[in-house]
Amino acid sequence: MPDFLVELYLSRTDLAAVERRAERARLAAEALSREGTPVRYVGSIFMPEDETCFLLYEAGRAQDVEEAARRAAVPVERLAEVLTEGRGPGG
């Protein structure tokens, strides 16, 4: 499955928000998968200096990641398909 990166912005002073968003992202992806739409939350990267957070997913389509983010109440600033070293195309 392709990898997708969701970009969102969070305050550098609210590290708990990063953990909450990541947990909601994981739970929403798991729920979608149980319903028959395979989405896997892989992990997050937070850059406090830039107040930017990235959530990495595996999914068949960008729309599936958008749905996972919507269910998790994650505000998507940008969504892009990415290639991640060591994972190759399709994870």
PDB file of N, CA and C in Angstrom:
ATOM      1  N   MET A   1       0.836  -1.188   0.000  1.00  0.00           N
ATOM      2  CA  MET A   1       0.000   0.000   0.000  1.00  0.00           C
ATOM      3  C   MET A   1       0.875   1.243   0.000  1.00  0.00           C
ATOM      4  N   PRO A   2       0.435   2.283  -0.626  1.00  0.00           N
ATOM      5  CA  PRO A   2       1.187   3.540  -0.629  1.00  0.00           C
ATOM      6  C   PRO A   2       1.218   4.178   0.764  1.00  0.00           C
ATOM      7  N   ASP A   3       2.212   5.019   0.971  1.00  0.00           N
ATOM      8  CA  ASP A   3       2.333   5.801   2.198  1.00  0.00           C
ATOM      9  C   ASP A   3       1.833   7.213   1.939  1.00  0.00           C
ATOM     10  N   PHE A   4       1.191   7.800   2.950  1.00  0.00           N
ATOM     11  CA  PHE A   4       0.677   9.164   2.866  1.00  0.00           C
ATOM     12  C   PHE A   4       1.095   9.929   4.105  1.00  0.00           C
ATOM     13  N   LEU A   5       1.392  11.192   3.916  1.00  0.00           N
ATOM     14  CA  LEU A   5       1.793  12.065   5.010  1.00  0.00           C
ATOM     15  C   LEU A   5       0.749  13.169   5.166  1.00  0.00           C
ATOM     16  N   VAL A   6       0.246  13.304   6.375  1.00  0.00           N
ATOM     17  CA  VAL A   6      -0.685  14.374   6.725  1.00  0.00           C
ATOM     18  C   VAL A   6       0.100  15.423   7.503  1.00  0.00           C
ATOM     19  N   GLU A   7      -0.035  16.664   7.088  1.00  0.00           N
ATOM     20  CA  GLU A   7       0.627  17.773   7.779  1.00  0.00           C
ATOM     21  C   GLU A   7      -0.437  18.590   8.512  1.00  0.00           C
ATOM     22  N   LEU A   8      -0.135  18.910   9.769  1.00  0.00           N
ATOM     23  CA  LEU A   8      -1.009  19.766  10.559  1.00  0.00           C
ATOM     24  C   LEU A   8      -0.160  20.615  11.489  1.00  0.00           C
ATOM     25  N   TYR A   9      -0.781  21.613  12.059  1.00  0.00           N
ATOM     26  CA  TYR A   9      -0.041  22.551  12.905  1.00  0.00           C
ATOM     27  C   TYR A   9      -0.552  22.488  14.333  1.00  0.00           C
ATOM     28  N   LEU A  10       0.401  22.398  15.269  1.00  0.00           N
ATOM     29  CA  LEU A  10       0.098  22.334  16.700  1.00  0.00           C
ATOM     30  C   LEU A  10       1.051  23.250  17.453  1.00  0.00           C
ATOM     31  N   SER A  11       0.589  23.768  18.565  1.00  0.00           N
ATOM     32  CA  SER A  11       1.411  24.651  19.372  1.00  0.00           C
ATOM     33  C   SER A  11       2.626  23.916  19.930  1.00  0.00           C
ATOM     34  N   ARG A  12       3.763  24.560  19.892  1.00  0.00           N
ATOM     35  CA  ARG A  12       4.994  23.955  20.427  1.00  0.00           C
ATOM     36  C   ARG A  12       4.899  23.707  21.927  1.00  0.00           C
ATOM     37  N   THR A  13       3.990  24.400  22.603  1.00  0.00           N
ATOM     38  CA  THR A  13       3.885  24.266  24.053  1.00  0.00           C
ATOM     39  C   THR A  13       2.900  23.187  24.483  1.00  0.00           C
ATOM     40  N   ASP A  14       2.197  22.585  23.549  1.00  0.00           N
ATOM     41  CA  ASP A  14       1.175  21.599  23.892  1.00  0.00           C
ATOM     42  C   ASP A  14       1.548  20.209  23.370  1.00  0.00           C
ATOM     43  N   LEU A  15       2.552  19.617  24.004  1.00  0.00           N
ATOM     44  CA  LEU A  15       2.994  18.287  23.575  1.00  0.00           C
ATOM     45  C   LEU A  15       1.913  17.231  23.791  1.00  0.00           C
ATOM     46  N   ALA A  16       1.056  17.449  24.763  1.00  0.00           N
ATOM     47  CA  ALA A  16      -0.030  16.497  24.998  1.00  0.00           C
ATOM     48  C   ALA A  16      -0.974  16.447  23.795  1.00  0.00           C
ATOM     49  N   ALA A  17      -1.128  17.562  23.104  1.00  0.00           N
ATOM     50  CA  ALA A  17      -1.994  17.580  21.911  1.00  0.00           C
ATOM     51  C   ALA A  17      -1.451  16.664  20.833  1.00  0.00           C
ATOM     52  N   VAL A  18      -0.141  16.599  20.711  1.00  0.00           N
ATOM     53  CA  VAL A  18       0.475  15.701  19.721  1.00  0.00           C
ATOM     54  C   VAL A  18       0.105  14.265  20.048  1.00  0.00           C
ATOM     55  N   GLU A  19       0.243  13.893  21.307  1.00  0.00           N
ATOM     56  CA  GLU A  19      -0.081  12.525  21.717  1.00  0.00           C
ATOM     57  C   GLU A  19      -1.560  12.225  21.523  1.00  0.00           C
ATOM     58  N   ARG A  20      -2.431  13.178  21.848  1.00  0.00           N
ATOM     59  CA  ARG A  20      -3.873  12.968  21.660  1.00  0.00           C
ATOM     60  C   ARG A  20      -4.217  12.793  20.189  1.00  0.00           C
ATOM     61  N   ARG A  21      -3.660  13.647  19.346  1.00  0.00           N
ATOM     62  CA  ARG A  21      -3.951  13.532  17.902  1.00  0.00           C
ATOM     63  C   ARG A  21      -3.452  12.201  17.358  1.00  0.00           C
ATOM     64  N   ALA A  22      -2.267  11.799  17.772  1.00  0.00           N
ATOM     65  CA  ALA A  22      -1.704  10.532  17.290  1.00  0.00           C
ATOM     66  C   ALA A  22      -2.568   9.356  17.723  1.00  0.00           C
ATOM     67  N   GLU A  23      -3.029   9.375  18.955  1.00  0.00           N
ATOM     68  CA  GLU A  23      -3.874   8.284  19.447  1.00  0.00           C
ATOM     69  C   GLU A  23      -5.207   8.257  18.699  1.00  0.00           C
ATOM     70  N   ARG A  24      -5.807   9.407  18.483  1.00  0.00           N
ATOM     71  CA  ARG A  24      -7.060   9.452  17.722  1.00  0.00           C
ATOM     72  C   ARG A  24      -6.843   9.002  16.283  1.00  0.00           C
ATOM     73  N   ALA A  25      -5.712   9.370  15.704  1.00  0.00           N
ATOM     74  CA  ALA A  25      -5.395   8.955  14.336  1.00  0.00           C
ATOM     75  C   ALA A  25      -5.289   7.437  14.256  1.00  0.00           C
ATOM     76  N   ARG A  26      -4.621   6.851  15.222  1.00  0.00           N
ATOM     77  CA  ARG A  26      -4.463   5.391  15.255  1.00  0.00           C
ATOM     78  C   ARG A  26      -5.816   4.699  15.393  1.00  0.00           C
ATOM     79  N   LEU A  27      -6.628   5.179  16.327  1.00  0.00           N
ATOM     80  CA  LEU A  27      -7.935   4.556  16.556  1.00  0.00           C
ATOM     81  C   LEU A  27      -8.852   4.674  15.349  1.00  0.00           C
ATOM     82  N   ALA A  28      -8.838   5.822  14.685  1.00  0.00           N
ATOM     83  CA  ALA A  28      -9.679   6.002  13.497  1.00  0.00           C
ATOM     84  C   ALA A  28      -9.229   5.084  12.369  1.00  0.00           C
ATOM     85  N   ALA A  29      -7.928   4.934  12.183  1.00  0.00           N
ATOM     86  CA  ALA A  29      -7.418   4.038  11.146  1.00  0.00           C
ATOM     87  C   ALA A  29      -7.808   2.593  11.442  1.00  0.00           C
ATOM     88  N   GLU A  30      -7.712   2.207  12.701  1.00  0.00           N
ATOM     89  CA  GLU A  30      -8.099   0.843  13.070  1.00  0.00           C
ATOM     90  C   GLU A  30      -9.589   0.608  12.818  1.00  0.00           C
ATOM     91  N   ALA A  31     -10.412   1.607  13.130  1.00  0.00           N
ATOM     92  CA  ALA A  31     -11.853   1.472  12.907  1.00  0.00           C
ATOM     93  C   ALA A  31     -12.171   1.322  11.418  1.00  0.00           C
ATOM     94  N   LEU A  32     -11.532   2.138  10.591  1.00  0.00           N
ATOM     95  CA  LEU A  32     -11.749   2.021   9.149  1.00  0.00           C
ATOM     96  C   LEU A  32     -11.336   0.638   8.648  1.00  0.00           C
ATOM     97  N   SER A  33     -10.214   0.153   9.136  1.00  0.00           N
ATOM     98  CA  SER A  33      -9.747  -1.174   8.713  1.00  0.00           C
ATOM     99  C   SER A  33     -10.744  -2.256   9.108  1.00  0.00           C
ATOM    100  N   ARG A  34     -11.278  -2.154  10.316  1.00  0.00           N
ATOM    101  CA  ARG A  34     -12.284  -3.140  10.750  1.00  0.00           C
ATOM    102  C   ARG A  34     -13.519  -3.096   9.864  1.00  0.00           C
ATOM    103  N   GLU A  35     -13.811  -1.917   9.319  1.00  0.00           N
ATOM    104  CA  GLU A  35     -14.986  -1.758   8.454  1.00  0.00           C
ATOM    105  C   GLU A  35     -14.706  -2.158   7.005  1.00  0.00           C
ATOM    106  N   GLY A  36     -13.472  -2.563   6.722  1.00  0.00           N
ATOM    107  CA  GLY A  36     -13.158  -3.039   5.380  1.00  0.00           C
ATOM    108  C   GLY A  36     -12.355  -2.086   4.513  1.00  0.00           C
ATOM    109  N   THR A  37     -11.971  -0.925   5.049  1.00  0.00           N
ATOM    110  CA  THR A  37     -11.126   0.010   4.309  1.00  0.00           C
ATOM    111  C   THR A  37      -9.751   0.004   4.975  1.00  0.00           C
ATOM    112  N   PRO A  38      -8.777  -0.683   4.386  1.00  0.00           N
ATOM    113  CA  PRO A  38      -7.473  -0.814   5.036  1.00  0.00           C
ATOM    114  C   PRO A  38      -6.730   0.525   5.122  1.00  0.00           C
ATOM    115  N   VAL A  39      -6.536   0.968   6.351  1.00  0.00           N
ATOM    116  CA  VAL A  39      -5.740   2.160   6.649  1.00  0.00           C
ATOM    117  C   VAL A  39      -4.917   1.828   7.880  1.00  0.00           C
ATOM    118  N   ARG A  40      -3.631   2.127   7.811  1.00  0.00           N
ATOM    119  CA  ARG A  40      -2.764   1.867   8.965  1.00  0.00           C
ATOM    120  C   ARG A  40      -2.051   3.153   9.349  1.00  0.00           C
ATOM    121  N   TYR A  41      -2.204   3.534  10.612  1.00  0.00           N
ATOM    122  CA  TYR A  41      -1.460   4.660  11.147  1.00  0.00           C
ATOM    123  C   TYR A  41      -0.064   4.140  11.491  1.00  0.00           C
ATOM    124  N   VAL A  42       0.971   4.756  10.939  1.00  0.00           N
ATOM    125  CA  VAL A  42       2.345   4.288  11.129  1.00  0.00           C
ATOM    126  C   VAL A  42       3.037   5.025  12.264  1.00  0.00           C
ATOM    127  N   GLY A  43       2.850   6.340  12.343  1.00  0.00           N
ATOM    128  CA  GLY A  43       3.497   7.101  13.405  1.00  0.00           C
ATOM    129  C   GLY A  43       3.458   8.590  13.117  1.00  0.00           C
ATOM    130  N   SER A  44       4.105   9.349  14.017  1.00  0.00           N
ATOM    131  CA  SER A  44       4.088  10.799  13.878  1.00  0.00           C
ATOM    132  C   SER A  44       5.483  11.382  14.066  1.00  0.00           C
ATOM    133  N   ILE A  45       5.646  12.576  13.542  1.00  0.00           N
ATOM    134  CA  ILE A  45       6.860  13.374  13.721  1.00  0.00           C
ATOM    135  C   ILE A  45       6.387  14.769  14.091  1.00  0.00           C
ATOM    136  N   PHE A  46       6.917  15.312  15.188  1.00  0.00           N
ATOM    137  CA  PHE A  46       6.543  16.652  15.612  1.00  0.00           C
ATOM    138  C   PHE A  46       7.776  17.542  15.614  1.00  0.00           C
ATOM    139  N   MET A  47       7.657  18.694  14.966  1.00  0.00           N
ATOM    140  CA  MET A  47       8.741  19.682  14.920  1.00  0.00           C
ATOM    141  C   MET A  47       8.285  20.892  15.734  1.00  0.00           C
ATOM    142  N   PRO A  48       8.567  20.905  17.042  1.00  0.00           N
ATOM    143  CA  PRO A  48       8.065  21.976  17.890  1.00  0.00           C
ATOM    144  C   PRO A  48       8.490  23.368  17.427  1.00  0.00           C
ATOM    145  N   GLU A  49       9.700  23.508  16.948  1.00  0.00           N
ATOM    146  CA  GLU A  49      10.198  24.809  16.511  1.00  0.00           C
ATOM    147  C   GLU A  49       9.327  25.399  15.397  1.00  0.00           C
ATOM    148  N   ASP A  50       8.816  24.534  14.537  1.00  0.00           N
ATOM    149  CA  ASP A  50       7.969  24.973  13.422  1.00  0.00           C
ATOM    150  C   ASP A  50       6.476  24.799  13.711  1.00  0.00           C
ATOM    151  N   GLU A  51       6.157  24.238  14.875  1.00  0.00           N
ATOM    152  CA  GLU A  51       4.774  23.942  15.249  1.00  0.00           C
ATOM    153  C   GLU A  51       4.081  23.103  14.185  1.00  0.00           C
ATOM    154  N   THR A  52       4.829  22.149  13.643  1.00  0.00           N
ATOM    155  CA  THR A  52       4.331  21.303  12.561  1.00  0.00           C
ATOM    156  C   THR A  52       4.378  19.843  12.988  1.00  0.00           C
ATOM    157  N   CYS A  53       3.319  19.133  12.696  1.00  0.00           N
ATOM    158  CA  CYS A  53       3.236  17.709  13.002  1.00  0.00           C
ATOM    159  C   CYS A  53       2.922  16.969  11.703  1.00  0.00           C
ATOM    160  N   PHE A  54       3.526  15.817  11.540  1.00  0.00           N
ATOM    161  CA  PHE A  54       3.280  14.958  10.385  1.00  0.00           C
ATOM    162  C   PHE A  54       2.794  13.604  10.892  1.00  0.00           C
ATOM    163  N   LEU A  55       1.749  13.107  10.288  1.00  0.00           N
ATOM    164  CA  LEU A  55       1.232  11.776  10.602  1.00  0.00           C
ATOM    165  C   LEU A  55       1.415  10.908   9.371  1.00  0.00           C
ATOM    166  N   LEU A  56       2.028   9.762   9.554  1.00  0.00           N
ATOM    167  CA  LEU A  56       2.289   8.851   8.443  1.00  0.00           C
ATOM    168  C   LEU A  56       1.286   7.707   8.469  1.00  0.00           C
ATOM    169  N   TYR A  57       0.682   7.460   7.306  1.00  0.00           N
ATOM    170  CA  TYR A  57      -0.300   6.397   7.137  1.00  0.00           C
ATOM    171  C   TYR A  57       0.084   5.517   5.961  1.00  0.00           C
ATOM    172  N   GLU A  58      -0.435   4.287   5.970  1.00  0.00           N
ATOM    173  CA  GLU A  58      -0.481   3.417   4.797  1.00  0.00           C
ATOM    174  C   GLU A  58      -1.946   3.277   4.435  1.00  0.00           C
ATOM    175  N   ALA A  59      -2.251   3.433   3.173  1.00  0.00           N
ATOM    176  CA  ALA A  59      -3.645   3.283   2.732  1.00  0.00           C
ATOM    177  C   ALA A  59      -3.667   3.072   1.227  1.00  0.00           C
ATOM    178  N   GLY A  60      -4.768   2.572   0.738  1.00  0.00           N
ATOM    179  CA  GLY A  60      -4.914   2.354  -0.691  1.00  0.00           C
ATOM    180  C   GLY A  60      -5.097   3.639  -1.479  1.00  0.00           C
ATOM    181  N   ARG A  61      -5.743   4.637  -0.831  1.00  0.00           N
ATOM    182  CA  ARG A  61      -6.041   5.889  -1.528  1.00  0.00           C
ATOM    183  C   ARG A  61      -5.942   7.057  -0.549  1.00  0.00           C
ATOM    184  N   ALA A  62      -5.665   8.219  -1.087  1.00  0.00           N
ATOM    185  CA  ALA A  62      -5.609   9.435  -0.265  1.00  0.00           C
ATOM    186  C   ALA A  62      -6.958   9.683   0.409  1.00  0.00           C
ATOM    187  N   GLN A  63      -8.047   9.375  -0.272  1.00  0.00           N
ATOM    188  CA  GLN A  63      -9.377   9.591   0.282  1.00  0.00           C
ATOM    189  C   GLN A  63      -9.593   8.794   1.560  1.00  0.00           C
ATOM    190  N   ASP A  64      -8.974   7.618   1.641  1.00  0.00           N
ATOM    191  CA  ASP A  64      -9.108   6.803   2.852  1.00  0.00           C
ATOM    192  C   ASP A  64      -8.396   7.468   4.028  1.00  0.00           C
ATOM    193  N   VAL A  65      -7.264   8.087   3.763  1.00  0.00           N
ATOM    194  CA  VAL A  65      -6.544   8.817   4.806  1.00  0.00           C
ATOM    195  C   VAL A  65      -7.344  10.052   5.215  1.00  0.00           C
ATOM    196  N   GLU A  66      -7.933  10.734   4.246  1.00  0.00           N
ATOM    197  CA  GLU A  66      -8.782  11.891   4.574  1.00  0.00           C
ATOM    198  C   GLU A  66      -9.922  11.486   5.495  1.00  0.00           C
ATOM    199  N   GLU A  67     -10.518  10.343   5.226  1.00  0.00           N
ATOM    200  CA  GLU A  67     -11.616   9.873   6.074  1.00  0.00           C
ATOM    201  C   GLU A  67     -11.112   9.542   7.476  1.00  0.00           C
ATOM    202  N   ALA A  68      -9.956   8.906   7.574  1.00  0.00           N
ATOM    203  CA  ALA A  68      -9.390   8.612   8.894  1.00  0.00           C
ATOM    204  C   ALA A  68      -9.123   9.908   9.661  1.00  0.00           C
ATOM    205  N   ALA A  69      -8.583  10.901   8.988  1.00  0.00           N
ATOM    206  CA  ALA A  69      -8.299  12.184   9.636  1.00  0.00           C
ATOM    207  C   ALA A  69      -9.592  12.870  10.058  1.00  0.00           C
ATOM    208  N   ARG A  70     -10.608  12.804   9.223  1.00  0.00           N
ATOM    209  CA  ARG A  70     -11.898  13.411   9.562  1.00  0.00           C
ATOM    210  C   ARG A  70     -12.473  12.773  10.820  1.00  0.00           C
ATOM    211  N   ARG A  71     -12.443  11.444  10.856  1.00  0.00           N
ATOM    212  CA  ARG A  71     -12.968  10.732  12.028  1.00  0.00           C
ATOM    213  C   ARG A  71     -12.162  11.044  13.291  1.00  0.00           C
ATOM    214  N   ALA A  72     -10.890  11.282  13.136  1.00  0.00           N
ATOM    215  CA  ALA A  72     -10.022  11.574  14.277  1.00  0.00           C
ATOM    216  C   ALA A  72     -10.029  13.056  14.646  1.00  0.00           C
ATOM    217  N   ALA A  73     -10.780  13.860  13.900  1.00  0.00           N
ATOM    218  CA  ALA A  73     -10.821  15.319  14.104  1.00  0.00           C
ATOM    219  C   ALA A  73      -9.423  15.931  13.985  1.00  0.00           C
ATOM    220  N   VAL A  74      -8.675  15.442  13.000  1.00  0.00           N
ATOM    221  CA  VAL A  74      -7.343  15.963  12.708  1.00  0.00           C
ATOM    222  C   VAL A  74      -7.467  16.966  11.561  1.00  0.00           C
ATOM    223  N   PRO A  75      -7.114  18.221  11.807  1.00  0.00           N
ATOM    224  CA  PRO A  75      -7.198  19.225  10.740  1.00  0.00           C
ATOM    225  C   PRO A  75      -6.059  19.046   9.741  1.00  0.00           C
ATOM    226  N   VAL A  76      -6.391  18.665   8.536  1.00  0.00           N
ATOM    227  CA  VAL A  76      -5.392  18.382   7.511  1.00  0.00           C
ATOM    228  C   VAL A  76      -5.038  19.673   6.777  1.00  0.00           C
ATOM    229  N   GLU A  77      -3.809  20.116   6.942  1.00  0.00           N
ATOM    230  CA  GLU A  77      -3.319  21.275   6.190  1.00  0.00           C
ATOM    231  C   GLU A  77      -2.854  20.848   4.806  1.00  0.00           C
ATOM    232  N   ARG A  78      -2.266  19.650   4.768  1.00  0.00           N
ATOM    233  CA  ARG A  78      -1.775  19.106   3.503  1.00  0.00           C
ATOM    234  C   ARG A  78      -1.729  17.597   3.617  1.00  0.00           C
ATOM    235  N   LEU A  79      -2.013  16.929   2.511  1.00  0.00           N
ATOM    236  CA  LEU A  79      -1.961  15.475   2.423  1.00  0.00           C
ATOM    237  C   LEU A  79      -1.235  15.124   1.133  1.00  0.00           C
ATOM    238  N   ALA A  80      -0.224  14.268   1.244  1.00  0.00           N
ATOM    239  CA  ALA A  80       0.546  13.906   0.057  1.00  0.00           C
ATOM    240  C   ALA A  80       0.993  12.452   0.144  1.00  0.00           C
ATOM    241  N   GLU A  81       1.034  11.802  -1.015  1.00  0.00           N
ATOM    242  CA  GLU A  81       1.631  10.478  -1.086  1.00  0.00           C
ATOM    243  C   GLU A  81       3.149  10.656  -1.005  1.00  0.00           C
ATOM    244  N   VAL A  82       3.806   9.785  -0.247  1.00  0.00           N
ATOM    245  CA  VAL A  82       5.253   9.901  -0.043  1.00  0.00           C
ATOM    246  C   VAL A  82       5.929   8.551  -0.237  1.00  0.00           C
ATOM    247  N   LEU A  83       7.207   8.596  -0.486  1.00  0.00           N
ATOM    248  CA  LEU A  83       8.041   7.412  -0.515  1.00  0.00           C
ATOM    249  C   LEU A  83       8.937   7.468   0.720  1.00  0.00           C
ATOM    250  N   THR A  84       8.949   6.399   1.498  1.00  0.00           N
ATOM    251  CA  THR A  84       9.749   6.389   2.707  1.00  0.00           C
ATOM    252  C   THR A  84      10.873   5.368   2.561  1.00  0.00           C
ATOM    253  N   GLU A  85      12.075   5.801   2.848  1.00  0.00           N
ATOM    254  CA  GLU A  85      13.253   4.949   2.709  1.00  0.00           C
ATOM    255  C   GLU A  85      13.119   3.731   3.602  1.00  0.00           C
ATOM    256  N   GLY A  86      13.481   2.608   3.066  1.00  0.00           N
ATOM    257  CA  GLY A  86      13.417   1.377   3.806  1.00  0.00           C
ATOM    258  C   GLY A  86      12.056   0.711   3.788  1.00  0.00           C
ATOM    259  N   ARG A  87      11.064   1.435   3.352  1.00  0.00           N
ATOM    260  CA  ARG A  87       9.719   0.871   3.262  1.00  0.00           C
ATOM    261  C   ARG A  87       9.376   0.600   1.809  1.00  0.00           C
ATOM    262  N   GLY A  88       9.934   1.404   0.895  1.00  0.00           N
ATOM    263  CA  GLY A  88       9.712   1.206  -0.527  1.00  0.00           C
ATOM    264  C   GLY A  88       8.264   1.416  -0.922  1.00  0.00           C
ATOM    265  N   PRO A  89       7.969   1.323  -2.199  1.00  0.00           N
ATOM    266  CA  PRO A  89       6.586   1.466  -2.650  1.00  0.00           C
ATOM    267  C   PRO A  89       5.742   0.355  -2.049  1.00  0.00           C
ATOM    268  N   GLY A  90       4.612   0.748  -1.528  1.00  0.00           N
ATOM    269  CA  GLY A  90       3.709  -0.251  -0.967  1.00  0.00           C
ATOM    270  C   GLY A  90       4.109  -0.729   0.405  1.00  0.00           C
ATOM    271  N   GLY A  91       5.005  -0.019   1.101  1.00  0.00           N
ATOM    272  CA  GLY A  91       5.355  -0.336   2.487  1.00  0.00           C
ATOM    273  C   GLY A  91       6.364  -1.400   2.551  1.00  0.00           C
TER     274      GLY A  91
END
